[in-house]
Amino acid sequence: MSVFTRAGTTVLFVIGPFDATLEGVQFAVEIVIRLFAISLAIGLFGLTTDPRAFVFDLERRGLSPRFAFVAAATLEAVPAMVARAAVIQAAQRARGLDTEGSVRARLRGVMPLVGPVILSSLTEVEERTLALEVRAFGRPGRRHLLWSSPDRAAERVARWAMVVAFAALVLARLTGTFPAIP
């Protein structure tokens, strides 16, 4: 969209009422690179971090159990939905639904999957809520965690090195020694 909507002086080509500018292309490339960097960081975090260990460590460091639960539910939601959709798709195939073949057949096969996936997600949320209530999740006071993640010396050194490097980058950017990223 930015290619056609960004104002600029160098027009590359015109399609109807829209003209693509060089400035629009540059802006679009910058946005795509930023989105790729963000997606790569989130994907790398998701692939290298055990959600339960992350949440327990957040609670151990003083984060509210409610926020920790929200973080855990967010991290586990997408893989759980993908697995649930695969099970439902296999069940629908066993009942004779055509989910392979042409694009039209695949699109027809999506609609019978949407309802059961959403309903089973809502059922799972209700079951989780009941399980949390039974375990006194909402009780006031500090919780006592029965599990703690081991923290090796190398991990502590790497973590503090990253904190120091981040602080140095922010300081360099604020003082002007590190150039701005366009």
C-alpha atoms as a PDB file:
ATOM      1  CA  MET A   1       0.000   0.000   0.000  1.00  0.00           C
ATOM      2  CA  SER A   2       2.817   2.389   0.834  1.00  0.00           C
ATOM      3  CA  VAL A   3       4.197   2.130  -2.685  1.00  0.00           C
ATOM      4  CA  PHE A   4       1.034   3.746  -4.046  1.00  0.00           C
ATOM      5  CA  THR A   5      -0.005   5.997  -1.162  1.00  0.00           C
ATOM      6  CA  ARG A   6       3.308   7.539  -0.060  1.00  0.00           C
ATOM      7  CA  ALA A   7       3.908  10.959  -1.545  1.00  0.00           C
ATOM      8  CA  GLY A   8       7.157  11.419  -3.423  1.00  0.00           C
ATOM      9  CA  THR A   9       8.821  13.214  -6.297  1.00  0.00           C
ATOM     10  CA  THR A  10      10.205  10.254  -8.274  1.00  0.00           C
ATOM     11  CA  VAL A  11       7.317   8.443  -9.982  1.00  0.00           C
ATOM     12  CA  LEU A  12       8.246   4.917 -11.078  1.00  0.00           C
ATOM     13  CA  PHE A  13       4.980   3.911 -12.784  1.00  0.00           C
ATOM     14  CA  VAL A  14       1.279   4.747 -12.781  1.00  0.00           C
ATOM     15  CA  ILE A  15      -1.646   2.332 -12.369  1.00  0.00           C
ATOM     16  CA  GLY A  16      -4.967   4.109 -12.815  1.00  0.00           C
ATOM     17  CA  PRO A  17      -5.257   6.918 -10.260  1.00  0.00           C
ATOM     18  CA  PHE A  18      -2.291   5.593  -8.259  1.00  0.00           C
ATOM     19  CA  ASP A  19       1.331   6.413  -8.910  1.00  0.00           C
ATOM     20  CA  ALA A  20       4.155   4.379  -7.411  1.00  0.00           C
ATOM     21  CA  THR A  21       6.976   6.533  -6.120  1.00  0.00           C
ATOM     22  CA  LEU A  22      10.548   5.665  -5.252  1.00  0.00           C
ATOM     23  CA  GLU A  23       9.996   7.083  -1.771  1.00  0.00           C
ATOM     24  CA  GLY A  24       6.994   4.788  -1.344  1.00  0.00           C
ATOM     25  CA  VAL A  25       9.061   1.769  -2.356  1.00  0.00           C
ATOM     26  CA  GLN A  26      11.807   2.746   0.104  1.00  0.00           C
ATOM     27  CA  PHE A  27       9.271   3.189   2.904  1.00  0.00           C
ATOM     28  CA  ALA A  28       7.617  -0.148   2.091  1.00  0.00           C
ATOM     29  CA  VAL A  29      10.990  -1.928   2.151  1.00  0.00           C
ATOM     30  CA  GLU A  30      11.793  -0.384   5.557  1.00  0.00           C
ATOM     31  CA  ILE A  31       8.443  -1.520   6.967  1.00  0.00           C
ATOM     32  CA  VAL A  32       8.878  -5.054   5.599  1.00  0.00           C
ATOM     33  CA  ILE A  33      12.363  -5.282   7.138  1.00  0.00           C
ATOM     34  CA  ARG A  34      11.047  -4.099  10.510  1.00  0.00           C
ATOM     35  CA  LEU A  35       8.146  -6.566  10.413  1.00  0.00           C
ATOM     36  CA  PHE A  36      10.561  -9.357   9.480  1.00  0.00           C
ATOM     37  CA  ALA A  37      12.855  -8.459  12.399  1.00  0.00           C
ATOM     38  CA  ILE A  38       9.943  -8.405  14.846  1.00  0.00           C
ATOM     39  CA  SER A  39       8.566 -11.700  13.504  1.00  0.00           C
ATOM     40  CA  LEU A  40      12.011 -13.294  13.663  1.00  0.00           C
ATOM     41  CA  ALA A  41      12.498 -12.181  17.276  1.00  0.00           C
ATOM     42  CA  ILE A  42       9.075 -13.453  18.342  1.00  0.00           C
ATOM     43  CA  GLY A  43       9.560 -16.727  16.470  1.00  0.00           C
ATOM     44  CA  LEU A  44      13.020 -17.265  17.952  1.00  0.00           C
ATOM     45  CA  PHE A  45      11.682 -16.566  21.432  1.00  0.00           C
ATOM     46  CA  GLY A  46       8.807 -18.986  20.915  1.00  0.00           C
ATOM     47  CA  LEU A  47      11.057 -21.752  19.625  1.00  0.00           C
ATOM     48  CA  THR A  48      13.742 -21.448  22.301  1.00  0.00           C
ATOM     49  CA  THR A  49      11.702 -20.760  25.436  1.00  0.00           C
ATOM     50  CA  ASP A  50       9.648 -23.275  27.369  1.00  0.00           C
ATOM     51  CA  PRO A  51       6.431 -21.397  28.191  1.00  0.00           C
ATOM     52  CA  ARG A  52       5.982 -22.959  31.618  1.00  0.00           C
ATOM     53  CA  ALA A  53       9.560 -22.229  32.677  1.00  0.00           C
ATOM     54  CA  PHE A  54       9.163 -18.640  31.439  1.00  0.00           C
ATOM     55  CA  VAL A  55       5.949 -18.134  33.395  1.00  0.00           C
ATOM     56  CA  PHE A  56       7.313 -19.692  36.583  1.00  0.00           C
ATOM     57  CA  ASP A  57      10.375 -17.482  36.352  1.00  0.00           C
ATOM     58  CA  LEU A  58       8.180 -14.401  35.891  1.00  0.00           C
ATOM     59  CA  GLU A  59       6.226 -15.343  39.015  1.00  0.00           C
ATOM     60  CA  ARG A  60       9.432 -16.058  40.924  1.00  0.00           C
ATOM     61  CA  ARG A  61      10.626 -12.554  40.072  1.00  0.00           C
ATOM     62  CA  GLY A  62       7.447 -11.004  41.483  1.00  0.00           C
ATOM     63  CA  LEU A  63       5.021 -10.713  38.557  1.00  0.00           C
ATOM     64  CA  SER A  64       1.368 -11.144  39.447  1.00  0.00           C
ATOM     65  CA  PRO A  65       0.104 -14.703  38.922  1.00  0.00           C
ATOM     66  CA  ARG A  66      -2.741 -13.336  36.790  1.00  0.00           C
ATOM     67  CA  PHE A  67      -0.311 -11.663  34.371  1.00  0.00           C
ATOM     68  CA  ALA A  68       1.864 -14.765  34.364  1.00  0.00           C
ATOM     69  CA  PHE A  69      -1.168 -16.888  33.483  1.00  0.00           C
ATOM     70  CA  VAL A  70      -2.082 -14.501  30.653  1.00  0.00           C
ATOM     71  CA  ALA A  71       1.485 -14.790  29.332  1.00  0.00           C
ATOM     72  CA  ALA A  72       1.328 -18.596  29.493  1.00  0.00           C
ATOM     73  CA  ALA A  73      -2.084 -18.751  27.839  1.00  0.00           C
ATOM     74  CA  THR A  74      -0.876 -16.467  25.051  1.00  0.00           C
ATOM     75  CA  LEU A  75       2.260 -18.513  24.414  1.00  0.00           C
ATOM     76  CA  GLU A  76       0.363 -21.804  24.399  1.00  0.00           C
ATOM     77  CA  ALA A  77      -2.732 -20.675  22.476  1.00  0.00           C
ATOM     78  CA  VAL A  78      -1.492 -20.897  18.886  1.00  0.00           C
ATOM     79  CA  PRO A  79       0.146 -24.354  19.110  1.00  0.00           C
ATOM     80  CA  ALA A  80      -2.923 -25.689  20.930  1.00  0.00           C
ATOM     81  CA  MET A  81      -5.285 -24.344  18.253  1.00  0.00           C
ATOM     82  CA  VAL A  82      -3.135 -25.766  15.447  1.00  0.00           C
ATOM     83  CA  ALA A  83      -3.127 -29.190  17.117  1.00  0.00           C
ATOM     84  CA  ARG A  84      -6.879 -28.993  17.749  1.00  0.00           C
ATOM     85  CA  ALA A  85      -7.515 -28.013  14.112  1.00  0.00           C
ATOM     86  CA  ALA A  86      -5.420 -30.973  12.901  1.00  0.00           C
ATOM     87  CA  VAL A  87      -7.430 -33.402  15.055  1.00  0.00           C
ATOM     88  CA  ILE A  88     -10.736 -31.938  13.881  1.00  0.00           C
ATOM     89  CA  GLN A  89      -9.569 -31.988  10.249  1.00  0.00           C
ATOM     90  CA  ALA A  90      -8.650 -35.672  10.576  1.00  0.00           C
ATOM     91  CA  ALA A  91     -12.077 -36.401  12.083  1.00  0.00           C
ATOM     92  CA  GLN A  92     -13.823 -34.491   9.294  1.00  0.00           C
ATOM     93  CA  ARG A  93     -11.799 -36.401   6.685  1.00  0.00           C
ATOM     94  CA  ALA A  94     -12.837 -39.676   8.318  1.00  0.00           C
ATOM     95  CA  ARG A  95     -16.450 -38.566   7.877  1.00  0.00           C
ATOM     96  CA  GLY A  96     -15.845 -38.008   4.148  1.00  0.00           C
ATOM     97  CA  LEU A  97     -15.070 -34.267   3.956  1.00  0.00           C
ATOM     98  CA  ASP A  98     -12.820 -33.402   1.012  1.00  0.00           C
ATOM     99  CA  THR A  99     -10.042 -31.110   2.324  1.00  0.00           C
ATOM    100  CA  GLU A 100      -7.456 -31.830  -0.351  1.00  0.00           C
ATOM    101  CA  GLY A 101      -7.312 -31.108  -4.033  1.00  0.00           C
ATOM    102  CA  SER A 102      -8.202 -27.864  -5.773  1.00  0.00           C
ATOM    103  CA  VAL A 103      -8.304 -24.476  -4.077  1.00  0.00           C
ATOM    104  CA  ARG A 104     -12.089 -24.519  -4.259  1.00  0.00           C
ATOM    105  CA  ALA A 105     -12.255 -27.893  -2.490  1.00  0.00           C
ATOM    106  CA  ARG A 106      -9.884 -26.653   0.217  1.00  0.00           C
ATOM    107  CA  LEU A 107     -11.964 -23.517   0.774  1.00  0.00           C
ATOM    108  CA  ARG A 108     -15.116 -25.643   1.052  1.00  0.00           C
ATOM    109  CA  GLY A 109     -13.313 -27.797   3.598  1.00  0.00           C
ATOM    110  CA  VAL A 110     -12.376 -24.828   5.825  1.00  0.00           C
ATOM    111  CA  MET A 111     -15.897 -23.863   6.871  1.00  0.00           C
ATOM    112  CA  PRO A 112     -16.742 -27.201   8.550  1.00  0.00           C
ATOM    113  CA  LEU A 113     -13.508 -26.833  10.568  1.00  0.00           C
ATOM    114  CA  VAL A 114     -14.070 -23.296  11.871  1.00  0.00           C
ATOM    115  CA  GLY A 115     -17.091 -24.020  14.049  1.00  0.00           C
ATOM    116  CA  PRO A 116     -15.653 -27.041  15.890  1.00  0.00           C
ATOM    117  CA  VAL A 117     -12.280 -25.315  16.418  1.00  0.00           C
ATOM    118  CA  ILE A 118     -13.931 -22.251  17.959  1.00  0.00           C
ATOM    119  CA  LEU A 119     -16.329 -24.303  20.084  1.00  0.00           C
ATOM    120  CA  SER A 120     -13.562 -26.577  21.357  1.00  0.00           C
ATOM    121  CA  SER A 121     -11.421 -23.513  22.159  1.00  0.00           C
ATOM    122  CA  LEU A 122     -14.257 -22.040  24.209  1.00  0.00           C
ATOM    123  CA  THR A 123     -14.747 -25.374  25.973  1.00  0.00           C
ATOM    124  CA  GLU A 124     -11.039 -25.506  26.797  1.00  0.00           C
ATOM    125  CA  VAL A 125     -11.146 -21.972  28.212  1.00  0.00           C
ATOM    126  CA  GLU A 126     -14.079 -22.958  30.425  1.00  0.00           C
ATOM    127  CA  GLU A 127     -12.280 -26.102  31.609  1.00  0.00           C
ATOM    128  CA  ARG A 128      -9.147 -24.084  32.401  1.00  0.00           C
ATOM    129  CA  THR A 129     -11.189 -21.550  34.336  1.00  0.00           C
ATOM    130  CA  LEU A 130     -12.811 -24.272  36.423  1.00  0.00           C
ATOM    131  CA  ALA A 131      -9.456 -25.952  37.047  1.00  0.00           C
ATOM    132  CA  LEU A 132      -7.940 -22.656  38.190  1.00  0.00           C
ATOM    133  CA  GLU A 133     -10.832 -21.954  40.532  1.00  0.00           C
ATOM    134  CA  VAL A 134     -10.609 -25.440  42.053  1.00  0.00           C
ATOM    135  CA  ARG A 135      -6.902 -24.830  42.699  1.00  0.00           C
ATOM    136  CA  ALA A 136      -7.628 -21.479  44.424  1.00  0.00           C
ATOM    137  CA  PHE A 137      -5.950 -19.411  41.727  1.00  0.00           C
ATOM    138  CA  GLY A 138      -7.788 -16.235  42.719  1.00  0.00           C
ATOM    139  CA  ARG A 139      -6.989 -16.402  46.421  1.00  0.00           C
ATOM    140  CA  PRO A 140      -5.295 -13.346  47.913  1.00  0.00           C
ATOM    141  CA  GLY A 141      -1.734 -13.437  49.166  1.00  0.00           C
ATOM    142  CA  ARG A 142       1.585 -14.614  47.847  1.00  0.00           C
ATOM    143  CA  ARG A 143       1.814 -18.004  46.180  1.00  0.00           C
ATOM    144  CA  HIS A 144       4.495 -20.541  46.992  1.00  0.00           C
ATOM    145  CA  LEU A 145       5.961 -22.067  43.870  1.00  0.00           C
ATOM    146  CA  LEU A 146       6.938 -25.717  44.046  1.00  0.00           C
ATOM    147  CA  TRP A 147       9.149 -25.587  40.959  1.00  0.00           C
ATOM    148  CA  SER A 148      11.987 -23.274  40.071  1.00  0.00           C
ATOM    149  CA  SER A 149      14.045 -23.247  36.934  1.00  0.00           C
ATOM    150  CA  PRO A 150      17.741 -23.851  37.381  1.00  0.00           C
ATOM    151  CA  ASP A 151      19.844 -20.777  36.655  1.00  0.00           C
ATOM    152  CA  ARG A 152      23.372 -21.705  35.635  1.00  0.00           C
ATOM    153  CA  ALA A 153      26.275 -19.271  35.955  1.00  0.00           C
ATOM    154  CA  ALA A 154      26.729 -19.079  32.170  1.00  0.00           C
ATOM    155  CA  GLU A 155      23.074 -18.084  31.753  1.00  0.00           C
ATOM    156  CA  ARG A 156      23.406 -15.351  34.383  1.00  0.00           C
ATOM    157  CA  VAL A 157      26.547 -13.980  32.694  1.00  0.00           C
ATOM    158  CA  ALA A 158      24.893 -14.050  29.253  1.00  0.00           C
ATOM    159  CA  ARG A 159      21.763 -12.354  30.597  1.00  0.00           C
ATOM    160  CA  TRP A 160      23.723  -9.545  32.258  1.00  0.00           C
ATOM    161  CA  ALA A 161      25.923  -9.164  29.150  1.00  0.00           C
ATOM    162  CA  MET A 162      22.768  -8.654  27.063  1.00  0.00           C
ATOM    163  CA  VAL A 163      21.426  -6.100  29.549  1.00  0.00           C
ATOM    164  CA  VAL A 164      24.715  -4.172  29.477  1.00  0.00           C
ATOM    165  CA  ALA A 165      24.877  -4.340  25.656  1.00  0.00           C
ATOM    166  CA  PHE A 166      21.300  -3.071  25.396  1.00  0.00           C
ATOM    167  CA  ALA A 167      22.024  -0.205  27.806  1.00  0.00           C
ATOM    168  CA  ALA A 168      25.171   0.671  25.809  1.00  0.00           C
ATOM    169  CA  LEU A 169      23.169   0.721  22.559  1.00  0.00           C
ATOM    170  CA  VAL A 170      20.512   2.974  24.080  1.00  0.00           C
ATOM    171  CA  LEU A 171      23.183   5.294  25.485  1.00  0.00           C
ATOM    172  CA  ALA A 172      25.024   5.386  22.146  1.00  0.00           C
ATOM    173  CA  ARG A 173      21.789   6.195  20.368  1.00  0.00           C
ATOM    174  CA  LEU A 174      20.908   8.966  22.826  1.00  0.00           C
ATOM    175  CA  THR A 175      24.355  10.559  22.579  1.00  0.00           C
ATOM    176  CA  GLY A 176      24.309  10.398  18.787  1.00  0.00           C
ATOM    177  CA  THR A 177      27.311   8.081  18.340  1.00  0.00           C
ATOM    178  CA  PHE A 178      25.084   5.342  16.925  1.00  0.00           C
ATOM    179  CA  PRO A 179      23.257   6.467  13.762  1.00  0.00           C
ATOM    180  CA  ALA A 180      19.482   6.324  13.529  1.00  0.00           C
ATOM    181  CA  ILE A 181      18.000   3.390  11.687  1.00  0.00           C
ATOM    182  CA  PRO A 182      15.849   4.751   8.854  1.00  0.00           C
END
